Amino acid sequence: MAKQKKQLNRKRRHQRVRAKVSGTAKRPRISVFKSNRYTYAQLIDDQKGKTLAAVSSQDIISKTNQSKKKITKTAISLKLGQLLAEKASKKKITKAVFDRGGYKFHGRIKALAEGIKKGGLKF
């Protein structure tokens, strides 16, 4: 019961954010979703309804898995943000709007945003 209430509250917060934030081809929306295990981010052009680029923490985990080192979810999110910014720069995107998906701006979400800024994407 408490889990459903928590999910409902997040969806309500996300709807409030989405009412104000929209992406275009020149300035796409960075949409974030996090599960208990993985983090996902994508660049979305809301006018056309298309995803321009997408990244997942599964991509980074599979690359670093060969070293057998434990890496935190927050550190993975930082690298994920840099990877997304790299993909955006290949598509000549320099600016974006950040949609935190109804999550608080701390932990993995904050690390993702910092990684995006380090990668050279502005929002």
PDB file of N, CA and C in Angstrom:
ATOM      1  N   MET A   1       0.821  -1.197   0.000  1.00  0.00           N
ATOM      2  CA  MET A   1       0.000   0.000   0.000  1.00  0.00           C
ATOM      3  C   MET A   1       0.867   1.264   0.000  1.00  0.00           C
ATOM      4  N   ALA A   2       1.922   1.290   0.822  1.00  0.00           N
ATOM      5  CA  ALA A   2       2.794   2.457   0.893  1.00  0.00           C
ATOM      6  C   ALA A   2       3.564   2.645  -0.413  1.00  0.00           C
ATOM      7  N   LYS A   3       3.934   1.533  -1.065  1.00  0.00           N
ATOM      8  CA  LYS A   3       4.663   1.595  -2.330  1.00  0.00           C
ATOM      9  C   LYS A   3       3.800   2.244  -3.412  1.00  0.00           C
ATOM     10  N   GLN A   4       2.521   1.876  -3.445  1.00  0.00           N
ATOM     11  CA  GLN A   4       1.618   2.449  -4.445  1.00  0.00           C
ATOM     12  C   GLN A   4       1.445   3.952  -4.223  1.00  0.00           C
ATOM     13  N   LYS A   5       1.363   4.365  -2.974  1.00  0.00           N
ATOM     14  CA  LYS A   5       1.212   5.779  -2.634  1.00  0.00           C
ATOM     15  C   LYS A   5       2.452   6.558  -3.073  1.00  0.00           C
ATOM     16  N   LYS A   6       3.622   5.979  -2.858  1.00  0.00           N
ATOM     17  CA  LYS A   6       4.883   6.609  -3.230  1.00  0.00           C
ATOM     18  C   LYS A   6       4.969   6.781  -4.753  1.00  0.00           C
ATOM     19  N   GLN A   7       4.575   5.736  -5.481  1.00  0.00           N
ATOM     20  CA  GLN A   7       4.592   5.794  -6.940  1.00  0.00           C
ATOM     21  C   GLN A   7       3.585   6.825  -7.460  1.00  0.00           C
ATOM     22  N   LEU A   8       2.418   6.879  -6.852  1.00  0.00           N
ATOM     23  CA  LEU A   8       1.388   7.845  -7.244  1.00  0.00           C
ATOM     24  C   LEU A   8       1.872   9.274  -7.015  1.00  0.00           C
ATOM     25  N   ASN A   9       2.526   9.520  -5.881  1.00  0.00           N
ATOM     26  CA  ASN A   9       3.051  10.852  -5.589  1.00  0.00           C
ATOM     27  C   ASN A   9       4.114  11.254  -6.605  1.00  0.00           C
ATOM     28  N   ARG A  10       4.980  10.317  -6.995  1.00  0.00           N
ATOM     29  CA  ARG A  10       6.018  10.609  -7.982  1.00  0.00           C
ATOM     30  C   ARG A  10       5.385  10.945  -9.331  1.00  0.00           C
ATOM     31  N   LYS A  11       4.360  10.183  -9.711  1.00  0.00           N
ATOM     32  CA  LYS A  11       3.677  10.446 -10.981  1.00  0.00           C
ATOM     33  C   LYS A  11       3.019  11.832 -10.973  1.00  0.00           C
ATOM     34  N   ARG A  12       2.451  12.223  -9.845  1.00  0.00           N
ATOM     35  CA  ARG A  12       1.837  13.549  -9.734  1.00  0.00           C
ATOM     36  C   ARG A  12       2.883  14.651  -9.864  1.00  0.00           C
ATOM     37  N   ARG A  13       4.039  14.463  -9.193  1.00  0.00           N
ATOM     38  CA  ARG A  13       5.122  15.448  -9.306  1.00  0.00           C
ATOM     39  C   ARG A  13       5.608  15.529 -10.748  1.00  0.00           C
ATOM     40  N   HIS A  14       5.714  14.372 -11.403  1.00  0.00           N
ATOM     41  CA  HIS A  14       6.179  14.330 -12.781  1.00  0.00           C
ATOM     42  C   HIS A  14       5.198  15.055 -13.708  1.00  0.00           C
ATOM     43  N   GLN A  15       3.907  14.900 -13.472  1.00  0.00           N
ATOM     44  CA  GLN A  15       2.907  15.588 -14.287  1.00  0.00           C
ATOM     45  C   GLN A  15       3.011  17.102 -14.134  1.00  0.00           C
ATOM     46  N   ARG A  16       3.302  17.574 -12.927  1.00  0.00           N
ATOM     47  CA  ARG A  16       3.473  19.014 -12.704  1.00  0.00           C
ATOM     48  C   ARG A  16       4.689  19.534 -13.470  1.00  0.00           C
ATOM     49  N   VAL A  17       5.766  18.767 -13.453  1.00  0.00           N
ATOM     50  CA  VAL A  17       6.976  19.170 -14.176  1.00  0.00           C
ATOM     51  C   VAL A  17       6.718  19.151 -15.677  1.00  0.00           C
ATOM     52  N   ARG A  18       6.066  18.112 -16.169  1.00  0.00           N
ATOM     53  CA  ARG A  18       5.812  17.973 -17.613  1.00  0.00           C
ATOM     54  C   ARG A  18       4.875  19.046 -18.154  1.00  0.00           C
ATOM     55  N   ALA A  19       4.046  19.609 -17.289  1.00  0.00           N
ATOM     56  CA  ALA A  19       3.157  20.681 -17.718  1.00  0.00           C
ATOM     57  C   ALA A  19       3.959  21.930 -18.089  1.00  0.00           C
ATOM     58  N   LYS A  20       5.153  22.072 -17.521  1.00  0.00           N
ATOM     59  CA  LYS A  20       5.982  23.261 -17.741  1.00  0.00           C
ATOM     60  C   LYS A  20       7.143  23.007 -18.687  1.00  0.00           C
ATOM     61  N   VAL A  21       7.595  21.760 -18.807  1.00  0.00           N
ATOM     62  CA  VAL A  21       8.812  21.440 -19.558  1.00  0.00           C
ATOM     63  C   VAL A  21       8.458  20.700 -20.839  1.00  0.00           C
ATOM     64  N   SER A  22       8.997  21.200 -21.959  1.00  0.00           N
ATOM     65  CA  SER A  22       8.780  20.550 -23.244  1.00  0.00           C
ATOM     66  C   SER A  22      10.047  20.666 -24.079  1.00  0.00           C
ATOM     67  N   GLY A  23      10.315  19.657 -24.893  1.00  0.00           N
ATOM     68  CA  GLY A  23      11.525  19.644 -25.692  1.00  0.00           C
ATOM     69  C   GLY A  23      11.263  19.918 -27.157  1.00  0.00           C
ATOM     70  N   THR A  24      12.270  20.501 -27.819  1.00  0.00           N
ATOM     71  CA  THR A  24      12.219  20.747 -29.255  1.00  0.00           C
ATOM     72  C   THR A  24      13.426  20.076 -29.902  1.00  0.00           C
ATOM     73  N   ALA A  25      13.542  20.189 -31.212  1.00  0.00           N
ATOM     74  CA  ALA A  25      14.678  19.581 -31.910  1.00  0.00           C
ATOM     75  C   ALA A  25      15.982  20.279 -31.527  1.00  0.00           C
ATOM     76  N   LYS A  26      15.933  21.603 -31.366  1.00  0.00           N
ATOM     77  CA  LYS A  26      17.134  22.362 -31.002  1.00  0.00           C
ATOM     78  C   LYS A  26      17.454  22.245 -29.521  1.00  0.00           C
ATOM     79  N   ARG A  27      16.414  22.145 -28.700  1.00  0.00           N
ATOM     80  CA  ARG A  27      16.588  22.062 -27.250  1.00  0.00           C
ATOM     81  C   ARG A  27      15.703  20.934 -26.710  1.00  0.00           C
ATOM     82  N   PRO A  28      16.175  19.682 -26.826  1.00  0.00           N
ATOM     83  CA  PRO A  28      15.350  18.543 -26.412  1.00  0.00           C
ATOM     84  C   PRO A  28      15.232  18.415 -24.890  1.00  0.00           C
ATOM     85  N   ARG A  29      14.284  17.615 -24.485  1.00  0.00           N
ATOM     86  CA  ARG A  29      14.056  17.340 -23.062  1.00  0.00           C
ATOM     87  C   ARG A  29      14.881  16.126 -22.655  1.00  0.00           C
ATOM     88  N   ILE A  30      15.578  16.231 -21.532  1.00  0.00           N
ATOM     89  CA  ILE A  30      16.316  15.088 -20.982  1.00  0.00           C
ATOM     90  C   ILE A  30      15.395  14.424 -19.973  1.00  0.00           C
ATOM     91  N   SER A  31      14.877  13.275 -20.330  1.00  0.00           N
ATOM     92  CA  SER A  31      13.962  12.539 -19.470  1.00  0.00           C
ATOM     93  C   SER A  31      14.734  11.487 -18.686  1.00  0.00           C
ATOM     94  N   VAL A  32      14.472  11.400 -17.378  1.00  0.00           N
ATOM     95  CA  VAL A  32      15.200  10.483 -16.502  1.00  0.00           C
ATOM     96  C   VAL A  32      14.230   9.505 -15.855  1.00  0.00           C
ATOM     97  N   PHE A  33      14.634   8.245 -15.807  1.00  0.00           N
ATOM     98  CA  PHE A  33      13.894   7.235 -15.053  1.00  0.00           C
ATOM     99  C   PHE A  33      14.909   6.409 -14.285  1.00  0.00           C
ATOM    100  N   LYS A  34      14.583   6.104 -13.041  1.00  0.00           N
ATOM    101  CA  LYS A  34      15.474   5.240 -12.270  1.00  0.00           C
ATOM    102  C   LYS A  34      14.673   4.135 -11.612  1.00  0.00           C
ATOM    103  N   SER A  35      15.215   2.941 -11.709  1.00  0.00           N
ATOM    104  CA  SER A  35      14.647   1.814 -10.992  1.00  0.00           C
ATOM    105  C   SER A  35      15.589   1.537  -9.823  1.00  0.00           C
ATOM    106  N   ASN A  36      15.317   0.511  -9.070  1.00  0.00           N
ATOM    107  CA  ASN A  36      16.212   0.195  -7.962  1.00  0.00           C
ATOM    108  C   ASN A  36      17.591  -0.234  -8.464  1.00  0.00           C
ATOM    109  N   ARG A  37      17.643  -0.784  -9.657  1.00  0.00           N
ATOM    110  CA  ARG A  37      18.893  -1.338 -10.174  1.00  0.00           C
ATOM    111  C   ARG A  37      19.568  -0.462 -11.222  1.00  0.00           C
ATOM    112  N   TYR A  38      18.789   0.145 -12.122  1.00  0.00           N
ATOM    113  CA  TYR A  38      19.357   0.875 -13.246  1.00  0.00           C
ATOM    114  C   TYR A  38      18.832   2.305 -13.329  1.00  0.00           C
ATOM    115  N   THR A  39      19.540   3.103 -14.115  1.00  0.00           N
ATOM    116  CA  THR A  39      19.134   4.473 -14.410  1.00  0.00           C
ATOM    117  C   THR A  39      19.081   4.626 -15.921  1.00  0.00           C
ATOM    118  N   TYR A  40      18.073   5.334 -16.411  1.00  0.00           N
ATOM    119  CA  TYR A  40      17.896   5.534 -17.844  1.00  0.00           C
ATOM    120  C   TYR A  40      17.734   7.021 -18.113  1.00  0.00           C
ATOM    121  N   ALA A  41      18.253   7.480 -19.257  1.00  0.00           N
ATOM    122  CA  ALA A  41      18.076   8.870 -19.659  1.00  0.00           C
ATOM    123  C   ALA A  41      17.939   8.923 -21.176  1.00  0.00           C
ATOM    124  N   GLN A  42      17.123   9.846 -21.643  1.00  0.00           N
ATOM    125  CA  GLN A  42      16.960   9.994 -23.083  1.00  0.00           C
ATOM    126  C   GLN A  42      16.694  11.451 -23.457  1.00  0.00           C
ATOM    127  N   LEU A  43      17.122  11.801 -24.653  1.00  0.00           N
ATOM    128  CA  LEU A  43      16.851  13.116 -25.222  1.00  0.00           C
ATOM    129  C   LEU A  43      15.615  12.978 -26.101  1.00  0.00           C
ATOM    130  N   ILE A  44      14.591  13.804 -25.828  1.00  0.00           N
ATOM    131  CA  ILE A  44      13.318  13.665 -26.524  1.00  0.00           C
ATOM    132  C   ILE A  44      12.911  14.981 -27.171  1.00  0.00           C
ATOM    133  N   ASP A  45      12.521  14.894 -28.441  1.00  0.00           N
ATOM    134  CA  ASP A  45      11.915  16.006 -29.153  1.00  0.00           C
ATOM    135  C   ASP A  45      10.401  15.820 -29.032  1.00  0.00           C
ATOM    136  N   ASP A  46       9.775  16.611 -28.163  1.00  0.00           N
ATOM    137  CA  ASP A  46       8.343  16.450 -27.891  1.00  0.00           C
ATOM    138  C   ASP A  46       7.462  16.920 -29.042  1.00  0.00           C
ATOM    139  N   GLN A  47       7.954  17.834 -29.862  1.00  0.00           N
ATOM    140  CA  GLN A  47       7.158  18.317 -30.985  1.00  0.00           C
ATOM    141  C   GLN A  47       6.922  17.217 -32.013  1.00  0.00           C
ATOM    142  N   LYS A  48       7.943  16.417 -32.281  1.00  0.00           N
ATOM    143  CA  LYS A  48       7.809  15.312 -33.222  1.00  0.00           C
ATOM    144  C   LYS A  48       7.499  13.993 -32.525  1.00  0.00           C
ATOM    145  N   GLY A  49       7.675  13.945 -31.218  1.00  0.00           N
ATOM    146  CA  GLY A  49       7.437  12.716 -30.473  1.00  0.00           C
ATOM    147  C   GLY A  49       8.507  11.666 -30.734  1.00  0.00           C
ATOM    148  N   LYS A  50       9.763  12.114 -30.887  1.00  0.00           N
ATOM    149  CA  LYS A  50      10.853  11.193 -31.203  1.00  0.00           C
ATOM    150  C   LYS A  50      11.946  11.250 -30.157  1.00  0.00           C
ATOM    151  N   THR A  51      12.552  10.098 -29.921  1.00  0.00           N
ATOM    152  CA  THR A  51      13.715  10.018 -29.053  1.00  0.00           C
ATOM    153  C   THR A  51      14.953  10.218 -29.906  1.00  0.00           C
ATOM    154  N   LEU A  52      15.766  11.215 -29.544  1.00  0.00           N
ATOM    155  CA  LEU A  52      16.957  11.542 -30.319  1.00  0.00           C
ATOM    156  C   LEU A  52      18.162  10.712 -29.889  1.00  0.00           C
ATOM    157  N   ALA A  53      18.263  10.437 -28.591  1.00  0.00           N
ATOM    158  CA  ALA A  53      19.363   9.622 -28.068  1.00  0.00           C
ATOM    159  C   ALA A  53      18.923   9.027 -26.738  1.00  0.00           C
ATOM    160  N   ALA A  54      19.424   7.849 -26.434  1.00  0.00           N
ATOM    161  CA  ALA A  54      19.074   7.193 -25.174  1.00  0.00           C
ATOM    162  C   ALA A  54      20.288   6.466 -24.622  1.00  0.00           C
ATOM    163  N   VAL A  55      20.403   6.465 -23.295  1.00  0.00           N
ATOM    164  CA  VAL A  55      21.478   5.735 -22.617  1.00  0.00           C
ATOM    165  C   VAL A  55      20.904   5.023 -21.399  1.00  0.00           C
ATOM    166  N   SER A  56      21.594   3.980 -20.999  1.00  0.00           N
ATOM    167  CA  SER A  56      21.169   3.191 -19.854  1.00  0.00           C
ATOM    168  C   SER A  56      22.390   2.828 -19.024  1.00  0.00           C
ATOM    169  N   SER A  57      22.210   2.708 -17.739  1.00  0.00           N
ATOM    170  CA  SER A  57      23.327   2.318 -16.883  1.00  0.00           C
ATOM    171  C   SER A  57      23.760   0.882 -17.172  1.00  0.00           C
ATOM    172  N   GLN A  58      22.913   0.113 -17.835  1.00  0.00           N
ATOM    173  CA  GLN A  58      23.289  -1.250 -18.224  1.00  0.00           C
ATOM    174  C   GLN A  58      24.469  -1.225 -19.190  1.00  0.00           C
ATOM    175  N   ASP A  59      24.532  -0.195 -20.053  1.00  0.00           N
ATOM    176  CA  ASP A  59      25.642  -0.059 -20.996  1.00  0.00           C
ATOM    177  C   ASP A  59      26.966   0.099 -20.256  1.00  0.00           C
ATOM    178  N   ILE A  60      26.969   0.935 -19.233  1.00  0.00           N
ATOM    179  CA  ILE A  60      28.190   1.214 -18.476  1.00  0.00           C
ATOM    180  C   ILE A  60      28.570   0.024 -17.603  1.00  0.00           C
ATOM    181  N   ILE A  61      27.590  -0.620 -16.999  1.00  0.00           N
ATOM    182  CA  ILE A  61      27.863  -1.769 -16.133  1.00  0.00           C
ATOM    183  C   ILE A  61      28.494  -2.893 -16.940  1.00  0.00           C
ATOM    184  N   SER A  62      28.012  -3.131 -18.148  1.00  0.00           N
ATOM    185  CA  SER A  62      28.566  -4.212 -18.962  1.00  0.00           C
ATOM    186  C   SER A  62      30.006  -3.914 -19.372  1.00  0.00           C
ATOM    187  N   LYS A  63      30.338  -2.635 -19.591  1.00  0.00           N
ATOM    188  CA  LYS A  63      31.709  -2.264 -19.953  1.00  0.00           C
ATOM    189  C   LYS A  63      32.663  -2.387 -18.769  1.00  0.00           C
ATOM    190  N   THR A  64      32.210  -1.982 -17.573  1.00  0.00           N
ATOM    191  CA  THR A  64      33.076  -2.007 -16.399  1.00  0.00           C
ATOM    192  C   THR A  64      33.045  -3.348 -15.679  1.00  0.00           C
ATOM    193  N   ASN A  65      32.180  -4.244 -16.089  1.00  0.00           N
ATOM    194  CA  ASN A  65      32.036  -5.532 -15.426  1.00  0.00           C
ATOM    195  C   ASN A  65      33.278  -6.398 -15.594  1.00  0.00           C
ATOM    196  N   GLN A  66      34.049  -6.163 -16.648  1.00  0.00           N
ATOM    197  CA  GLN A  66      35.228  -6.978 -16.880  1.00  0.00           C
ATOM    198  C   GLN A  66      36.293  -6.740 -15.816  1.00  0.00           C
ATOM    199  N   SER A  67      36.315  -5.554 -15.194  1.00  0.00           N
ATOM    200  CA  SER A  67      37.341  -5.242 -14.199  1.00  0.00           C
ATOM    201  C   SER A  67      37.008  -5.826 -12.825  1.00  0.00           C
ATOM    202  N   LYS A  68      35.796  -6.341 -12.648  1.00  0.00           N
ATOM    203  CA  LYS A  68      35.342  -6.988 -11.404  1.00  0.00           C
ATOM    204  C   LYS A  68      35.362  -6.052 -10.189  1.00  0.00           C
ATOM    205  N   LYS A  69      35.343  -4.741 -10.427  1.00  0.00           N
ATOM    206  CA  LYS A  69      35.310  -3.790  -9.331  1.00  0.00           C
ATOM    207  C   LYS A  69      33.876  -3.392  -9.043  1.00  0.00           C
ATOM    208  N   LYS A  70      33.594  -3.159  -7.772  1.00  0.00           N
ATOM    209  CA  LYS A  70      32.278  -2.642  -7.388  1.00  0.00           C
ATOM    210  C   LYS A  70      32.263  -1.147  -7.655  1.00  0.00           C
ATOM    211  N   ILE A  71      31.225  -0.685  -8.316  1.00  0.00           N
ATOM    212  CA  ILE A  71      31.078   0.732  -8.610  1.00  0.00           C
ATOM    213  C   ILE A  71      29.685   1.153  -8.148  1.00  0.00           C
ATOM    214  N   THR A  72      29.601   2.323  -7.521  1.00  0.00           N
ATOM    215  CA  THR A  72      28.320   2.754  -6.965  1.00  0.00           C
ATOM    216  C   THR A  72      27.372   3.230  -8.060  1.00  0.00           C
ATOM    217  N   LYS A  73      26.091   3.217  -7.742  1.00  0.00           N
ATOM    218  CA  LYS A  73      25.073   3.666  -8.693  1.00  0.00           C
ATOM    219  C   LYS A  73      25.236   5.145  -9.008  1.00  0.00           C
ATOM    220  N   THR A  74      25.683   5.919  -8.021  1.00  0.00           N
ATOM    221  CA  THR A  74      25.886   7.351  -8.224  1.00  0.00           C
ATOM    222  C   THR A  74      27.035   7.596  -9.193  1.00  0.00           C
ATOM    223  N   ALA A  75      28.113   6.834  -9.056  1.00  0.00           N
ATOM    224  CA  ALA A  75      29.255   6.962  -9.970  1.00  0.00           C
ATOM    225  C   ALA A  75      28.856   6.548 -11.384  1.00  0.00           C
ATOM    226  N   ILE A  76      28.029   5.527 -11.486  1.00  0.00           N
ATOM    227  CA  ILE A  76      27.540   5.084 -12.792  1.00  0.00           C
ATOM    228  C   ILE A  76      26.682   6.184 -13.421  1.00  0.00           C
ATOM    229  N   SER A  77      25.860   6.848 -12.612  1.00  0.00           N
ATOM    230  CA  SER A  77      25.009   7.923 -13.123  1.00  0.00           C
ATOM    231  C   SER A  77      25.836   9.091 -13.649  1.00  0.00           C
ATOM    232  N   LEU A  78      26.951   9.379 -12.999  1.00  0.00           N
ATOM    233  CA  LEU A  78      27.840  10.439 -13.458  1.00  0.00           C
ATOM    234  C   LEU A  78      28.387  10.104 -14.844  1.00  0.00           C
ATOM    235  N   LYS A  79      28.849   8.875 -15.018  1.00  0.00           N
ATOM    236  CA  LYS A  79      29.361   8.428 -16.315  1.00  0.00           C
ATOM    237  C   LYS A  79      28.246   8.395 -17.361  1.00  0.00           C
ATOM    238  N   LEU A  80      27.047   8.046 -16.925  1.00  0.00           N
ATOM    239  CA  LEU A  80      25.883   7.996 -17.809  1.00  0.00           C
ATOM    240  C   LEU A  80      25.576   9.378 -18.373  1.00  0.00           C
ATOM    241  N   GLY A  81      25.663  10.400 -17.535  1.00  0.00           N
ATOM    242  CA  GLY A  81      25.443  11.766 -17.976  1.00  0.00           C
ATOM    243  C   GLY A  81      26.475  12.205 -19.002  1.00  0.00           C
ATOM    244  N   GLN A  82      27.728  11.829 -18.778  1.00  0.00           N
ATOM    245  CA  GLN A  82      28.786  12.176 -19.727  1.00  0.00           C
ATOM    246  C   GLN A  82      28.565  11.475 -21.063  1.00  0.00           C
ATOM    247  N   LEU A  83      28.108  10.230 -21.005  1.00  0.00           N
ATOM    248  CA  LEU A  83      27.827   9.467 -22.223  1.00  0.00           C
ATOM    249  C   LEU A  83      26.678  10.098 -23.013  1.00  0.00           C
ATOM    250  N   LEU A  84      25.640  10.539 -22.310  1.00  0.00           N
ATOM    251  CA  LEU A  84      24.502  11.191 -22.969  1.00  0.00           C
ATOM    252  C   LEU A  84      24.934  12.508 -23.616  1.00  0.00           C
ATOM    253  N   ALA A  85      25.763  13.279 -22.913  1.00  0.00           N
ATOM    254  CA  ALA A  85      26.258  14.541 -23.466  1.00  0.00           C
ATOM    255  C   ALA A  85      27.120  14.299 -24.703  1.00  0.00           C
ATOM    256  N   GLU A  86      27.878  13.222 -24.692  1.00  0.00           N
ATOM    257  CA  GLU A  86      28.701  12.857 -25.845  1.00  0.00           C
ATOM    258  C   GLU A  86      27.827  12.525 -27.054  1.00  0.00           C
ATOM    259  N   LYS A  87      26.763  11.749 -26.819  1.00  0.00           N
ATOM    260  CA  LYS A  87      25.838  11.406 -27.903  1.00  0.00           C
ATOM    261  C   LYS A  87      25.132  12.650 -28.437  1.00  0.00           C
ATOM    262  N   ALA A  88      24.804  13.584 -27.534  1.00  0.00           N
ATOM    263  CA  ALA A  88      24.136  14.824 -27.944  1.00  0.00           C
ATOM    264  C   ALA A  88      25.068  15.685 -28.792  1.00  0.00           C
ATOM    265  N   SER A  89      26.331  15.743 -28.411  1.00  0.00           N
ATOM    266  CA  SER A  89      27.273  16.567 -29.175  1.00  0.00           C
ATOM    267  C   SER A  89      27.499  16.001 -30.581  1.00  0.00           C
ATOM    268  N   LYS A  90      27.413  14.678 -30.733  1.00  0.00           N
ATOM    269  CA  LYS A  90      27.520  14.063 -32.056  1.00  0.00           C
ATOM    270  C   LYS A  90      26.345  14.465 -32.945  1.00  0.00           C
ATOM    271  N   LYS A  91      25.199  14.738 -32.320  1.00  0.00           N
ATOM    272  CA  LYS A  91      24.013  15.166 -33.070  1.00  0.00           C
ATOM    273  C   LYS A  91      23.899  16.701 -33.103  1.00  0.00           C
ATOM    274  N   LYS A  92      24.987  17.369 -32.694  1.00  0.00           N
ATOM    275  CA  LYS A  92      25.088  18.837 -32.707  1.00  0.00           C
ATOM    276  C   LYS A  92      24.040  19.502 -31.818  1.00  0.00           C
ATOM    277  N   ILE A  93      23.775  18.912 -30.657  1.00  0.00           N
ATOM    278  CA  ILE A  93      22.861  19.481 -29.670  1.00  0.00           C
ATOM    279  C   ILE A  93      23.710  20.067 -28.549  1.00  0.00           C
ATOM    280  N   THR A  94      23.514  21.358 -28.242  1.00  0.00           N
ATOM    281  CA  THR A  94      24.314  22.005 -27.201  1.00  0.00           C
ATOM    282  C   THR A  94      23.487  22.397 -25.982  1.00  0.00           C
ATOM    283  N   LYS A  95      22.170  22.514 -26.155  1.00  0.00           N
ATOM    284  CA  LYS A  95      21.294  22.907 -25.056  1.00  0.00           C
ATOM    285  C   LYS A  95      20.157  21.918 -24.907  1.00  0.00           C
ATOM    286  N   ALA A  96      19.667  21.786 -23.685  1.00  0.00           N
ATOM    287  CA  ALA A  96      18.541  20.893 -23.413  1.00  0.00           C
ATOM    288  C   ALA A  96      17.803  21.384 -22.169  1.00  0.00           C
ATOM    289  N   VAL A  97      16.625  20.829 -21.928  1.00  0.00           N
ATOM    290  CA  VAL A  97      15.883  21.090 -20.691  1.00  0.00           C
ATOM    291  C   VAL A  97      15.870  19.792 -19.889  1.00  0.00           C
ATOM    292  N   PHE A  98      15.983  19.917 -18.575  1.00  0.00           N
ATOM    293  CA  PHE A  98      16.119  18.740 -17.716  1.00  0.00           C
ATOM    294  C   PHE A  98      14.787  18.404 -17.068  1.00  0.00           C
ATOM    295  N   ASP A  99      14.323  17.187 -17.283  1.00  0.00           N
ATOM    296  CA  ASP A  99      13.093  16.669 -16.676  1.00  0.00           C
ATOM    297  C   ASP A  99      13.505  15.582 -15.697  1.00  0.00           C
ATOM    298  N   ARG A 100      13.443  15.890 -14.413  1.00  0.00           N
ATOM    299  CA  ARG A 100      13.925  14.951 -13.395  1.00  0.00           C
ATOM    300  C   ARG A 100      12.949  13.805 -13.128  1.00  0.00           C
ATOM    301  N   GLY A 101      11.839  13.788 -13.810  1.00  0.00           N
ATOM    302  CA  GLY A 101      10.913  12.667 -13.731  1.00  0.00           C
ATOM    303  C   GLY A 101      10.164  12.536 -12.422  1.00  0.00           C
ATOM    304  N   GLY A 102      10.033  13.623 -11.668  1.00  0.00           N
ATOM    305  CA  GLY A 102       9.321  13.567 -10.395  1.00  0.00           C
ATOM    306  C   GLY A 102      10.189  13.127  -9.236  1.00  0.00           C
ATOM    307  N   TYR A 103      11.473  12.865  -9.496  1.00  0.00           N
ATOM    308  CA  TYR A 103      12.395  12.461  -8.437  1.00  0.00           C
ATOM    309  C   TYR A 103      13.019  13.703  -7.804  1.00  0.00           C
ATOM    310  N   LYS A 104      13.468  13.568  -6.554  1.00  0.00           N
ATOM    311  CA  LYS A 104      14.181  14.658  -5.905  1.00  0.00           C
ATOM    312  C   LYS A 104      15.518  14.855  -6.593  1.00  0.00           C
ATOM    313  N   PHE A 105      15.992  16.091  -6.605  1.00  0.00           N
ATOM    314  CA  PHE A 105      17.256  16.408  -7.268  1.00  0.00           C
ATOM    315  C   PHE A 105      18.418  16.166  -6.298  1.00  0.00           C
ATOM    316  N   HIS A 106      18.690  14.902  -6.049  1.00  0.00           N
ATOM    317  CA  HIS A 106      19.843  14.520  -5.238  1.00  0.00           C
ATOM    318  C   HIS A 106      20.231  13.103  -5.607  1.00  0.00           C
ATOM    319  N   GLY A 107      21.382  12.674  -5.154  1.00  0.00           N
ATOM    320  CA  GLY A 107      21.828  11.304  -5.414  1.00  0.00           C
ATOM    321  C   GLY A 107      22.090  11.045  -6.880  1.00  0.00           C
ATOM    322  N   ARG A 108      21.471   9.993  -7.407  1.00  0.00           N
ATOM    323  CA  ARG A 108      21.705   9.586  -8.797  1.00  0.00           C
ATOM    324  C   ARG A 108      21.260  10.635  -9.804  1.00  0.00           C
ATOM    325  N   ILE A 109      20.151  11.311  -9.528  1.00  0.00           N
ATOM    326  CA  ILE A 109      19.629  12.319 -10.453  1.00  0.00           C
ATOM    327  C   ILE A 109      20.598  13.501 -10.531  1.00  0.00           C
ATOM    328  N   LYS A 110      21.089  13.946  -9.376  1.00  0.00           N
ATOM    329  CA  LYS A 110      22.035  15.055  -9.337  1.00  0.00           C
ATOM    330  C   LYS A 110      23.341  14.672 -10.026  1.00  0.00           C
ATOM    331  N   ALA A 111      23.815  13.453  -9.784  1.00  0.00           N
ATOM    332  CA  ALA A 111      25.051  12.981 -10.416  1.00  0.00           C
ATOM    333  C   ALA A 111      24.900  12.918 -11.936  1.00  0.00           C
ATOM    334  N   LEU A 112      23.741  12.479 -12.407  1.00  0.00           N
ATOM    335  CA  LEU A 112      23.463  12.439 -13.843  1.00  0.00           C
ATOM    336  C   LEU A 112      23.518  13.849 -14.437  1.00  0.00           C
ATOM    337  N   ALA A 113      22.902  14.808 -13.759  1.00  0.00           N
ATOM    338  CA  ALA A 113      22.897  16.196 -14.228  1.00  0.00           C
ATOM    339  C   ALA A 113      24.314  16.764 -14.255  1.00  0.00           C
ATOM    340  N   GLU A 114      25.111  16.458 -13.231  1.00  0.00           N
ATOM    341  CA  GLU A 114      26.494  16.929 -13.196  1.00  0.00           C
ATOM    342  C   GLU A 114      27.313  16.321 -14.334  1.00  0.00           C
ATOM    343  N   GLY A 115      27.072  15.040 -14.623  1.00  0.00           N
ATOM    344  CA  GLY A 115      27.766  14.372 -15.719  1.00  0.00           C
ATOM    345  C   GLY A 115      27.408  14.992 -17.059  1.00  0.00           C
ATOM    346  N   ILE A 116      26.157  15.369 -17.215  1.00  0.00           N
ATOM    347  CA  ILE A 116      25.709  16.005 -18.458  1.00  0.00           C
ATOM    348  C   ILE A 116      26.400  17.366 -18.611  1.00  0.00           C
ATOM    349  N   LYS A 117      26.476  18.119 -17.514  1.00  0.00           N
ATOM    350  CA  LYS A 117      27.131  19.425 -17.564  1.00  0.00           C
ATOM    351  C   LYS A 117      28.632  19.285 -17.836  1.00  0.00           C
ATOM    352  N   LYS A 118      29.268  18.267 -17.246  1.00  0.00           N
ATOM    353  CA  LYS A 118      30.690  18.023 -17.497  1.00  0.00           C
ATOM    354  C   LYS A 118      30.924  17.662 -18.949  1.00  0.00           C
ATOM    355  N   GLY A 119      29.971  16.990 -19.555  1.00  0.00           N
ATOM    356  CA  GLY A 119      30.065  16.596 -20.959  1.00  0.00           C
ATOM    357  C   GLY A 119      29.874  17.752 -21.922  1.00  0.00           C
ATOM    358  N   GLY A 120      29.457  18.908 -21.430  1.00  0.00           N
ATOM    359  CA  GLY A 120      29.348  20.097 -22.284  1.00  0.00           C
ATOM    360  C   GLY A 120      27.937  20.469 -22.703  1.00  0.00           C
ATOM    361  N   LEU A 121      26.933  19.754 -22.223  1.00  0.00           N
ATOM    362  CA  LEU A 121      25.543  20.088 -22.549  1.00  0.00           C
ATOM    363  C   LEU A 121      25.033  21.097 -21.539  1.00  0.00           C
ATOM    364  N   LYS A 122      24.345  22.131 -22.000  1.00  0.00           N
ATOM    365  CA  LYS A 122      23.856  23.187 -21.110  1.00  0.00           C
ATOM    366  C   LYS A 122      22.353  23.073 -20.939  1.00  0.00           C
ATOM    367  N   PHE A 123      21.900  23.311 -19.700  1.00  0.00           N
ATOM    368  CA  PHE A 123      20.460  23.382 -19.436  1.00  0.00           C
ATOM    369  C   PHE A 123      20.187  24.304 -18.281  1.00  0.00           C
TER     370      PHE A 123
END
